């Protein structure tokens, strides 16, 4: 029932990139605030909100461009604009006199934090949070989180839930909200619980910070369990009555503490790999081989965020998440990418890239990895270019000469759309990994272990007779993964034995 209700939502949010959705959300909140201010509901004037927002966005954009040139890194204007918009919603809207200097200072600190307070090019703290934290202890100008009012709450909730759904960070946000609620109740023990909870919901930064800043990809941990722990920590420290001695925390201080915790427990990777070559691996699919500047550790099946600045960027932005098709045993970095006739500007820029071109890679993350228990029986089900994490895993097993009980079911329309067939043939001969190609098209062609049809319940039961003993991994287009997951559940497979590959954006 819930999946059926969420399908229209998923269809909506998957039309744009994660960052572009956040951009629309923040701009929408500012527009709502302007309308409410013009109606006399908000305490800042509509004109001041517009002018302050313009100053912050412009200042962040210019300062980021200057710093990028100084530090010789690619410019990412989308990131600086988002930071400017976040600041516009949390700092006082007073664009005159000393306050004007504060707006420029907070913009400079936010942008500088990405380059100076960083490790291997990856910033440690949320730029907006660290900026307002520093101005609070320096020039004594602090954030007032004016967006967090009861009048703005409905709009914060609607857009925020879309952002969280896009990122698939529901568990993380719920953990954060529950931790903050429980902490508020504990701190209020003996009186004032009701009023404190009411204030937390209606007039605190808990929802805006949770939806927008807590979920920032670059400053959150790299696995699901770590992200939940991070969310709980920030929720507890952010509770209104939390204090150490006579010092009470602020929303930005709580997030900074969480960011530091995330930094300490996460994989710290930021690369600028150089394109070595690119070549077709299947119809409409190509593999891009990059040379990273240093060797880094990751688990087969994980993914990274790749930034490719280019001209005439469309609504899907200049950043993408790609699963690493390469294995940690290989020295290069490989991406298997599917292309479409009406592709995004990002994909077009990838196609046009040449050997020697550089791309920015960071935010290594993902829980779609093999279990530590090598005796656990596995089934890999892939659709289209969703084969990339399995290429990584199987290449790793071949190189390590590690035998596991695995059945691979690879679905495509025809043979020409199958990638990495040679590697899977090696896996079958060397490691006895059972490989089946399920072809749904009408084109008749011969291929060992090919089956005509679609991946449905009947086929799965035929190919996996010991279904109750296996853990299933599913990777592919969103519709395909949802259908296969529903089929497995109908066959009695528990949610605990199903892992679905997810990364934000398929365009």
Protein backbone atom coordinates (compact mmCIF):
# COMPACT_ATOMS: atom_id res chain seq x y z
CA UNK A 1 0.00 0.00 0.00
CA UNK A 2 2.73 2.46 1.00
CA UNK A 3 4.80 1.63 -2.08
CA UNK A 4 1.79 2.34 -4.30
CA UNK A 5 1.27 5.72 -2.63
CA UNK A 6 4.93 6.64 -3.01
CA UNK A 7 5.23 5.75 -6.70
CA UNK A 8 3.87 9.14 -7.93
CA UNK A 9 6.23 10.87 -5.49
CA UNK A 10 9.21 8.88 -6.76
CA UNK A 11 8.24 9.62 -10.34
CA UNK A 12 8.14 13.33 -9.53
CA UNK A 13 11.43 13.60 -7.66
CA UNK A 14 13.35 11.44 -10.14
CA UNK A 15 12.75 13.97 -12.93
CA UNK A 16 15.41 16.25 -11.42
CA UNK A 17 18.73 15.83 -9.68
CA UNK A 18 18.98 15.87 -5.91
CA UNK A 19 20.67 19.27 -5.91
CA UNK A 20 18.22 20.81 -8.34
CA UNK A 21 15.30 19.59 -6.22
CA UNK A 22 16.90 21.21 -3.18
CA UNK A 23 17.38 24.41 -5.17
CA UNK A 24 13.67 24.53 -6.08
CA UNK A 25 12.75 23.78 -2.47
CA UNK A 26 14.84 26.62 -1.02
CA UNK A 27 13.72 29.14 -3.64
CA UNK A 28 10.12 28.06 -2.99
CA UNK A 29 10.51 28.67 0.76
CA UNK A 30 11.88 32.14 0.10
CA UNK A 31 9.01 32.95 -2.24
CA UNK A 32 6.49 31.77 0.36
CA UNK A 33 8.25 33.88 2.99
CA UNK A 34 8.05 36.94 0.74
CA UNK A 35 4.31 36.43 0.24
CA UNK A 36 3.74 35.91 3.97
CA UNK A 37 5.84 38.97 4.75
CA UNK A 38 3.84 41.08 2.31
CA UNK A 39 0.73 39.89 4.16
CA UNK A 40 2.17 41.01 7.50
CA UNK A 41 2.67 37.48 8.86
CA UNK A 42 6.50 37.35 8.96
CA UNK A 43 8.50 39.81 11.07
CA UNK A 44 10.95 40.66 8.27
CA UNK A 45 9.80 42.79 5.36
CA UNK A 46 9.43 41.22 1.93
CA UNK A 47 11.90 43.72 0.44
CA UNK A 48 14.54 42.94 3.07
CA UNK A 49 14.18 39.20 2.46
CA UNK A 50 14.63 39.65 -1.29
CA UNK A 51 17.63 41.97 -0.96
CA UNK A 52 19.32 39.83 1.73
CA UNK A 53 18.84 36.68 -0.35
CA UNK A 54 20.29 38.33 -3.45
CA UNK A 55 23.33 39.59 -1.53
CA UNK A 56 24.05 36.21 0.06
CA UNK A 57 23.65 34.20 -3.15
CA UNK A 58 25.75 36.65 -5.18
CA UNK A 59 28.44 36.89 -2.51
CA UNK A 60 28.68 33.10 -2.14
CA UNK A 61 28.86 32.66 -5.92
CA UNK A 62 31.62 35.28 -6.40
CA UNK A 63 33.70 34.23 -3.38
CA UNK A 64 33.46 30.55 -4.35
CA UNK A 65 34.64 31.36 -7.86
CA UNK A 66 37.62 33.29 -6.53
CA UNK A 67 38.57 30.56 -4.05
CA UNK A 68 38.22 27.86 -6.70
CA UNK A 69 40.70 29.75 -8.89
CA UNK A 70 43.12 30.19 -5.97
CA UNK A 71 43.00 26.51 -5.03
CA UNK A 72 42.95 25.29 -8.66
CA UNK A 73 39.76 23.22 -8.37
CA UNK A 74 36.72 23.06 -10.70
CA UNK A 75 34.02 25.63 -9.99
CA UNK A 76 30.71 24.23 -8.76
CA UNK A 77 28.29 27.20 -8.88
CA UNK A 78 25.31 25.06 -7.87
CA UNK A 79 26.84 24.34 -4.46
CA UNK A 80 27.57 28.00 -3.69
CA UNK A 81 24.06 29.06 -4.70
CA UNK A 82 22.50 26.45 -2.41
CA UNK A 83 24.64 27.64 0.50
CA UNK A 84 23.60 31.23 -0.17
CA UNK A 85 19.94 30.26 -0.16
CA UNK A 86 20.29 28.30 3.10
CA UNK A 87 21.98 31.28 4.74
CA UNK A 88 19.19 33.53 3.49
CA UNK A 89 16.68 31.44 5.43
CA UNK A 90 18.58 31.32 8.73
CA UNK A 91 20.39 34.67 9.19
CA UNK A 92 18.70 38.00 9.99
CA UNK A 93 17.31 39.76 6.92
CA UNK A 94 18.81 43.19 7.56
CA UNK A 95 20.73 44.30 4.46
CA UNK A 96 21.99 47.65 5.77
CA UNK A 97 24.87 49.07 7.79
CA UNK A 98 26.82 46.67 9.99
CA UNK A 99 24.42 43.86 9.05
CA UNK A 100 25.49 44.18 5.41
CA UNK A 101 29.09 43.52 6.43
CA UNK A 102 27.86 40.51 8.39
CA UNK A 103 26.15 39.09 5.29
CA UNK A 104 29.35 39.37 3.28
CA UNK A 105 31.41 37.92 6.14
CA UNK A 106 29.15 34.93 6.66
CA UNK A 107 29.21 34.24 2.91
CA UNK A 108 33.00 34.37 2.88
CA UNK A 109 33.32 32.07 5.88
CA UNK A 110 30.89 29.56 4.38
CA UNK A 111 32.78 29.38 1.11
CA UNK A 112 36.22 29.42 2.72
CA UNK A 113 35.28 26.53 5.01
CA UNK A 114 34.93 24.25 1.97
CA UNK A 115 38.54 24.86 0.95
CA UNK A 116 40.32 25.41 4.28
CA UNK A 117 38.41 23.23 6.76
CA UNK A 118 38.74 20.20 4.54
CA UNK A 119 40.59 16.94 4.16
CA UNK A 120 41.78 15.81 0.74
CA UNK A 121 39.46 18.35 -0.84
CA UNK A 122 36.37 17.19 1.07
CA UNK A 123 34.92 19.76 3.46
CA UNK A 124 34.34 18.62 7.02
CA UNK A 125 31.56 20.94 8.15
CA UNK A 126 28.29 22.07 6.62
CA UNK A 127 29.34 25.46 5.14
CA UNK A 128 26.29 27.40 6.34
CA UNK A 129 26.43 25.91 9.85
CA UNK A 130 30.14 26.56 10.43
CA UNK A 131 29.82 30.10 9.04
CA UNK A 132 27.05 31.20 11.41
CA UNK A 133 28.77 29.39 14.30
CA UNK A 134 31.98 31.36 13.72
CA UNK A 135 30.22 34.71 13.35
CA UNK A 136 28.36 34.04 16.62
CA UNK A 137 31.60 33.66 18.59
CA UNK A 138 33.50 36.32 16.62
CA UNK A 139 31.56 39.49 15.74
CA UNK A 140 28.66 38.26 17.91
CA UNK A 141 26.27 38.10 14.95
CA UNK A 142 24.31 34.86 15.03
CA UNK A 143 21.67 33.03 13.05
CA UNK A 144 18.07 33.52 14.14
CA UNK A 145 16.62 30.65 12.03
CA UNK A 146 13.70 32.87 11.05
CA UNK A 147 12.41 30.25 8.60
CA UNK A 148 11.44 28.07 11.58
CA UNK A 149 7.99 29.50 12.30
CA UNK A 150 4.54 27.93 12.47
CA UNK A 151 3.51 29.89 9.35
CA UNK A 152 6.34 28.36 7.32
CA UNK A 153 6.05 24.86 8.80
CA UNK A 154 3.58 23.36 6.27
CA UNK A 155 5.80 24.41 3.36
CA UNK A 156 8.96 23.19 5.11
CA UNK A 157 7.31 19.80 5.65
CA UNK A 158 5.97 19.34 2.11
CA UNK A 159 9.21 20.16 0.32
CA UNK A 160 11.40 18.59 2.98
CA UNK A 161 9.67 15.23 2.71
CA UNK A 162 10.29 15.27 -1.05
CA UNK A 163 13.99 15.94 -0.46
CA UNK A 164 14.29 13.14 2.09
CA UNK A 165 12.46 10.74 -0.21
CA UNK A 166 14.73 11.66 -3.11
CA UNK A 167 17.77 10.89 -0.98
CA UNK A 168 16.21 7.79 0.60
CA UNK A 169 17.18 9.16 4.00
CA UNK A 170 13.85 8.50 5.73
CA UNK A 171 15.42 6.34 8.44
CA UNK A 172 18.06 8.95 9.11
CA UNK A 173 15.55 11.79 9.43
CA UNK A 174 13.20 9.75 11.63
CA UNK A 175 16.09 8.82 13.93
CA UNK A 176 17.05 12.50 14.19
CA UNK A 177 13.49 13.62 14.95
CA UNK A 178 12.87 10.88 17.51
CA UNK A 179 16.18 11.58 19.24
CA UNK A 180 15.42 15.28 19.49
CA UNK A 181 11.88 14.59 20.76
CA UNK A 182 12.98 12.10 23.42
CA UNK A 183 15.84 14.36 24.51
CA UNK A 184 13.46 17.31 24.81
CA UNK A 185 11.11 15.26 27.00
CA UNK A 186 13.98 14.09 29.22
CA UNK A 187 15.42 17.58 29.64
CA UNK A 188 11.93 18.91 30.43
CA UNK A 189 11.23 16.29 33.10
CA UNK A 190 9.56 17.91 36.08
CA UNK A 191 7.60 20.51 34.13
CA UNK A 192 7.12 22.20 30.80
CA UNK A 193 7.19 19.06 28.64
CA UNK A 194 4.11 20.03 26.67
CA UNK A 195 5.21 23.60 25.97
CA UNK A 196 8.74 22.52 25.06
CA UNK A 197 7.49 19.88 22.63
CA UNK A 198 5.09 22.38 21.09
CA UNK A 199 7.90 24.88 20.67
CA UNK A 200 10.16 22.19 19.16
CA UNK A 201 7.57 21.39 16.51
CA UNK A 202 6.26 24.87 15.69
CA UNK A 203 9.09 27.27 16.36
CA UNK A 204 12.42 25.45 16.27
CA UNK A 205 14.88 24.68 13.50
CA UNK A 206 14.44 20.92 13.86
CA UNK A 207 12.59 20.33 10.57
CA UNK A 208 14.54 22.72 8.35
CA UNK A 209 17.89 21.56 9.69
CA UNK A 210 16.85 17.91 9.48
CA UNK A 211 15.57 18.10 5.92
CA UNK A 212 18.18 20.41 4.40
CA UNK A 213 21.43 20.48 6.38
CA UNK A 214 21.60 17.17 8.22
CA UNK A 215 21.15 15.28 4.94
CA UNK A 216 23.91 17.12 3.05
CA UNK A 217 25.74 14.25 1.28
CA UNK A 218 29.30 15.49 1.71
CA UNK A 219 29.16 15.85 5.51
CA UNK A 220 27.15 12.77 6.47
CA UNK A 221 28.65 9.32 7.15
CA UNK A 222 29.10 6.76 4.40
CA UNK A 223 26.91 3.86 5.58
CA UNK A 224 23.37 3.45 6.86
CA UNK A 225 24.20 2.49 10.46
CA UNK A 226 26.70 5.33 10.78
CA UNK A 227 24.16 7.80 9.38
CA UNK A 228 21.58 6.77 11.97
CA UNK A 229 24.12 7.21 14.79
CA UNK A 230 25.04 10.61 13.36
CA UNK A 231 21.39 11.65 13.20
CA UNK A 232 20.75 10.55 16.78
CA UNK A 233 23.77 12.50 18.04
CA UNK A 234 22.68 15.71 16.30
CA UNK A 235 19.09 15.23 17.50
CA UNK A 236 20.12 14.82 21.13
CA UNK A 237 22.52 17.76 21.14
CA UNK A 238 20.05 19.98 19.27
CA UNK A 239 17.22 19.54 21.80
CA UNK A 240 16.26 23.01 23.16
CA UNK A 241 17.23 22.29 26.76
CA UNK A 242 20.53 20.50 26.05
CA UNK A 243 23.45 22.18 27.77
CA UNK A 244 26.90 21.53 29.17
CA UNK A 245 27.22 23.49 32.38
CA UNK A 246 25.82 26.91 31.63
CA UNK A 247 26.46 26.65 27.89
CA UNK A 248 23.41 25.81 25.76
CA UNK A 249 23.82 24.47 22.24
CA UNK A 250 22.41 26.02 19.08
CA UNK A 251 21.19 24.21 15.96
CA UNK A 252 24.37 25.07 14.10
CA UNK A 253 26.57 23.91 17.00
CA UNK A 254 24.70 20.60 17.15
CA UNK A 255 25.24 20.04 13.44
CA UNK A 256 28.93 20.92 13.66
CA UNK A 257 29.41 18.39 16.46
CA UNK A 258 27.65 15.82 14.26
CA UNK A 259 29.78 16.75 11.24
CA UNK A 260 32.96 16.19 13.25
CA UNK A 261 31.67 12.81 14.40
CA UNK A 262 30.80 11.88 10.80
CA UNK A 263 34.26 12.93 9.62
CA UNK A 264 35.99 10.77 12.22
CA UNK A 265 34.02 7.60 11.41
CA UNK A 266 33.74 7.92 7.61
CA UNK A 267 35.85 7.11 4.59
CA UNK A 268 37.56 10.35 3.58
CA UNK A 269 37.92 10.35 -0.19
CA UNK A 270 38.06 13.24 -2.65
CA UNK A 271 39.68 12.64 -6.03
CA UNK A 272 40.30 14.36 -9.34
CA UNK A 273 40.82 11.31 -11.58
CA UNK A 274 41.94 11.73 -15.18
CA UNK A 275 40.12 10.02 -18.05
CA UNK A 276 42.32 7.37 -19.66
CA UNK A 277 39.90 5.91 -22.19
CA UNK A 278 36.25 5.27 -22.93
CA UNK A 279 34.68 2.54 -25.03
CA UNK A 280 31.36 0.87 -25.72
CA UNK A 281 30.47 -2.11 -23.54
CA UNK A 282 26.91 -2.61 -24.82
CA UNK A 283 24.31 -0.86 -26.95
CA UNK A 284 23.85 2.66 -25.55
CA UNK A 285 26.34 1.93 -22.76
CA UNK A 286 29.99 2.81 -22.33
CA UNK A 287 32.73 2.31 -19.79
CA UNK A 288 34.86 5.25 -18.67
CA UNK A 289 38.27 4.36 -17.26
CA UNK A 290 39.92 6.95 -15.00
CA UNK A 291 43.32 7.08 -13.32
CA UNK A 292 42.97 8.31 -9.71
CA UNK A 293 45.86 10.31 -8.24
CA UNK A 294 46.15 7.90 -5.31
CA UNK A 295 45.00 4.45 -4.28
CA UNK A 296 41.96 4.48 -2.00
CA UNK A 297 39.96 1.83 -0.20
CA UNK A 298 36.35 0.98 -0.95
CA UNK A 299 34.09 -2.02 -0.93
CA UNK A 300 32.81 -3.63 -4.14
CA UNK A 301 29.31 -2.28 -4.81
CA UNK A 302 29.78 1.20 -3.34
CA UNK A 303 29.19 4.40 -5.29
CA UNK A 304 30.60 7.93 -5.50
CA UNK A 305 29.43 11.38 -6.48
CA UNK A 306 31.01 12.76 -9.66
CA UNK A 307 31.03 16.46 -10.48
CA UNK A 308 31.47 17.53 -14.09
CA UNK A 309 31.10 21.30 -14.62
CA UNK A 310 29.92 22.07 -18.13
CA UNK A 311 28.19 24.76 -20.16
CA UNK A 312 24.42 25.00 -20.54
CA UNK A 313 23.74 22.79 -17.51
CA UNK A 314 20.16 21.53 -17.57
CA UNK A 315 17.78 20.93 -14.64
CA UNK A 316 19.58 17.70 -13.71
CA UNK A 317 22.68 19.61 -12.71
CA UNK A 318 26.42 19.00 -12.86
CA UNK A 319 26.66 16.18 -10.30
CA UNK A 320 25.79 12.49 -10.51
CA UNK A 321 26.12 9.39 -8.37
CA UNK A 322 27.64 6.40 -10.16
CA UNK A 323 28.29 2.95 -8.79
CA UNK A 324 31.93 1.99 -9.21
CA UNK A 325 32.20 -0.76 -11.80
CA UNK A 326 35.85 -1.27 -10.90
CA UNK A 327 37.09 -3.55 -8.14
CA UNK A 328 39.34 -2.41 -5.28
CA UNK A 329 41.84 -4.88 -6.73
CA UNK A 330 42.21 -2.73 -9.86
CA UNK A 331 44.39 0.37 -10.06
CA UNK A 332 41.96 2.32 -12.23
CA UNK A 333 38.49 3.68 -11.57
CA UNK A 334 35.75 2.41 -13.89
CA UNK A 335 32.23 3.70 -14.52
CA UNK A 336 29.63 1.88 -16.60
CA UNK A 337 27.21 4.47 -17.95
CA UNK A 338 23.98 4.16 -19.93
CA UNK A 339 23.17 6.87 -22.46
CA UNK A 340 19.81 7.94 -23.90
CA UNK A 341 18.79 9.74 -27.08
CA UNK A 342 17.41 12.67 -25.08
CA UNK A 343 20.18 12.58 -22.52
CA UNK A 344 21.01 15.15 -19.89
CA UNK A 345 23.61 17.86 -20.42
CA UNK A 346 25.79 15.96 -17.92
CA UNK A 347 25.72 12.76 -19.96
CA UNK A 348 26.39 14.73 -23.14
CA UNK A 349 29.42 16.32 -21.46
CA UNK A 350 30.64 12.84 -20.52
CA UNK A 351 30.30 11.66 -24.10
CA UNK A 352 32.30 14.66 -25.31
CA UNK A 353 35.07 14.21 -22.73
CA UNK A 354 38.52 13.25 -24.01
CA UNK A 355 41.51 11.40 -22.63
CA UNK A 356 43.29 13.69 -20.17
CA UNK A 357 40.12 15.42 -18.98
CA UNK A 358 39.54 15.56 -15.23
CA UNK A 359 36.40 14.86 -13.22
CA UNK A 360 35.85 15.46 -9.48
CA UNK A 361 34.91 12.43 -7.40
CA UNK A 362 33.93 12.27 -3.75
CA UNK A 363 31.30 11.24 -1.24
CA UNK A 364 32.17 7.54 -1.33
CA UNK A 365 29.24 5.72 0.24
CA UNK A 366 26.84 2.80 -0.04
CA UNK A 367 25.64 -0.29 1.85
CA UNK A 368 25.11 -2.40 -1.28
CA UNK A 369 28.08 -4.62 -0.48
CA UNK A 370 28.61 -8.34 -0.02
CA UNK A 371 28.11 -9.79 3.47
CA UNK A 372 31.16 -10.58 5.57
CA UNK A 373 29.92 -14.13 5.99
CA UNK A 374 31.44 -15.83 2.94
CA UNK A 375 29.21 -18.86 3.40
CA UNK A 376 25.99 -16.95 2.88
CA UNK A 377 24.26 -17.88 -0.38
CA UNK A 378 23.59 -14.92 -2.68
CA UNK A 379 21.51 -14.05 -5.73
CA UNK A 380 22.44 -11.04 -7.87
CA UNK A 381 19.58 -9.69 -10.04
CA UNK A 382 20.54 -6.93 -12.48
CA UNK A 383 18.68 -4.92 -15.07
CA UNK A 384 20.50 -2.94 -17.76
CA UNK A 385 23.42 -0.87 -16.52
CA UNK A 386 22.48 -1.95 -12.99
CA UNK A 387 25.04 -4.69 -13.62
CA UNK A 388 27.90 -2.34 -12.57
CA UNK A 389 27.99 -3.16 -8.82
CA UNK A 390 27.98 -6.87 -9.68
CA UNK A 391 30.84 -6.36 -12.11
CA UNK A 392 32.77 -4.80 -9.20
CA UNK A 393 31.93 -7.64 -6.81
CA UNK A 394 32.63 -10.47 -9.24
CA UNK A 395 35.88 -8.95 -10.48
CA UNK A 396 36.96 -8.69 -6.83
CA UNK A 397 36.12 -12.35 -6.19
CA UNK A 398 38.03 -13.45 -9.30
CA UNK A 399 41.12 -11.45 -8.38
CA UNK A 400 41.01 -12.66 -4.78
CA UNK A 401 40.23 -16.23 -5.89
CA UNK A 402 37.42 -16.16 -3.39
CA UNK A 403 34.66 -18.67 -4.00
CA UNK A 404 31.08 -17.85 -2.96
CA UNK A 405 27.76 -19.48 -3.73
CA UNK A 406 26.26 -16.91 -6.14
CA UNK A 407 23.57 -16.97 -8.82
CA UNK A 408 23.61 -14.03 -11.24
CA UNK A 409 20.41 -13.21 -13.14
CA UNK A 410 21.05 -10.46 -15.68
CA UNK A 411 18.06 -8.99 -17.54
CA UNK A 412 18.22 -7.04 -20.81
CA UNK A 413 16.23 -6.68 -24.02
CA UNK A 414 18.78 -8.53 -26.17
CA UNK A 415 22.38 -9.75 -26.27
CA UNK A 416 23.71 -6.42 -27.52
CA UNK A 417 22.50 -4.75 -24.31
CA UNK A 418 24.52 -7.12 -22.08
CA UNK A 419 27.75 -5.73 -20.64
CA UNK A 420 30.78 -7.54 -19.20
CA UNK A 421 29.82 -10.96 -20.61
CA UNK A 422 33.49 -12.05 -20.81
CA UNK A 423 34.03 -11.34 -17.13
CA UNK A 424 30.95 -13.32 -16.13
CA UNK A 425 32.12 -16.21 -18.29
CA UNK A 426 35.36 -16.21 -16.30
CA UNK A 427 33.38 -16.18 -13.06
CA UNK A 428 31.39 -19.21 -14.20
CA UNK A 429 34.49 -21.21 -15.18
CA UNK A 430 36.81 -20.16 -12.34
CA UNK A 431 34.44 -19.69 -9.39
CA UNK A 432 31.38 -21.72 -10.50
CA UNK A 433 29.16 -18.66 -10.27
CA UNK A 434 25.94 -19.53 -12.05
CA UNK A 435 25.09 -16.92 -14.68
CA UNK A 436 21.77 -16.55 -16.49
CA UNK A 437 20.88 -13.95 -19.12
CA UNK A 438 17.16 -13.16 -19.28
CA UNK A 439 16.31 -11.55 -22.65
CA UNK A 440 12.91 -9.91 -23.07
CA UNK A 441 13.18 -8.82 -26.73
CA UNK A 442 11.87 -10.62 -29.80
CA UNK A 443 15.25 -10.78 -31.53
CA UNK A 444 16.38 -14.43 -31.81
CA UNK A 445 20.03 -15.10 -31.09
CA UNK A 446 22.07 -17.81 -29.44
CA UNK A 447 23.97 -17.27 -26.22
CA UNK A 448 25.01 -19.77 -23.59
CA UNK A 449 22.78 -19.66 -20.51
CA UNK A 450 20.30 -17.27 -22.15
CA UNK A 451 16.60 -17.49 -21.29
CA UNK A 452 13.72 -15.89 -23.16
CA UNK A 453 11.24 -13.97 -21.02
CA UNK A 454 11.24 -11.67 -18.03
CA UNK A 455 12.36 -11.86 -14.43
CA UNK A 456 9.17 -12.94 -12.68
CA UNK A 457 8.21 -15.19 -9.80
CA UNK A 458 8.06 -18.34 -11.90
CA UNK A 459 11.52 -17.77 -13.37
CA UNK A 460 13.07 -16.95 -9.99
CA UNK A 461 11.67 -20.13 -8.44
CA UNK A 462 13.06 -22.14 -11.36
CA UNK A 463 16.56 -20.64 -11.22
CA UNK A 464 16.75 -20.40 -7.43
CA UNK A 465 15.33 -23.64 -5.98
CA UNK A 466 16.70 -22.85 -2.50
CA UNK A 467 15.11 -19.42 -2.39
CA UNK A 468 14.58 -19.50 1.39
CA UNK A 469 18.32 -19.89 2.00
CA UNK A 470 19.51 -16.90 -0.02
CA UNK A 471 20.03 -13.16 0.25
CA UNK A 472 18.95 -11.23 -2.86
CA UNK A 473 20.73 -8.19 -4.29
CA UNK A 474 18.78 -6.12 -6.86
CA UNK A 475 20.23 -3.35 -9.03
CA UNK A 476 18.77 -1.58 -12.04
CA UNK A 477 16.19 1.02 -13.11
CA UNK A 478 13.84 2.11 -10.34
CA UNK A 479 10.75 0.46 -11.82
CA UNK A 480 12.60 -2.82 -12.31
CA UNK A 481 13.98 -2.92 -8.77
CA UNK A 482 10.56 -2.17 -7.29
CA UNK A 483 8.90 -4.92 -9.34
CA UNK A 484 11.53 -7.54 -8.50
CA UNK A 485 11.45 -6.62 -4.81
CA UNK A 486 7.65 -6.97 -4.75
CA UNK A 487 7.93 -10.33 -6.52
CA UNK A 488 10.45 -11.63 -3.99
CA UNK A 489 8.25 -10.56 -1.09
CA UNK A 490 5.29 -12.36 -2.69
CA UNK A 491 7.50 -15.48 -2.83
CA UNK A 492 8.06 -15.27 0.92
CA UNK A 493 11.50 -13.63 0.94
CA UNK A 494 11.81 -11.35 3.97
CA UNK A 495 12.84 -7.70 3.73
CA UNK A 496 15.96 -8.59 5.74
CA UNK A 497 17.10 -10.86 2.89
CA UNK A 498 16.63 -8.25 0.16
CA UNK A 499 19.14 -5.48 -0.61
CA UNK A 500 18.31 -2.90 -3.26
CA UNK A 501 20.91 -0.64 -4.84
CA UNK A 502 19.91 2.99 -4.65
CA UNK A 503 21.63 6.19 -5.62
CA UNK A 504 20.04 9.55 -6.23
CA UNK A 505 19.30 10.05 -9.89
CA UNK A 506 19.19 7.75 -12.90
CA UNK A 507 19.14 10.34 -15.69
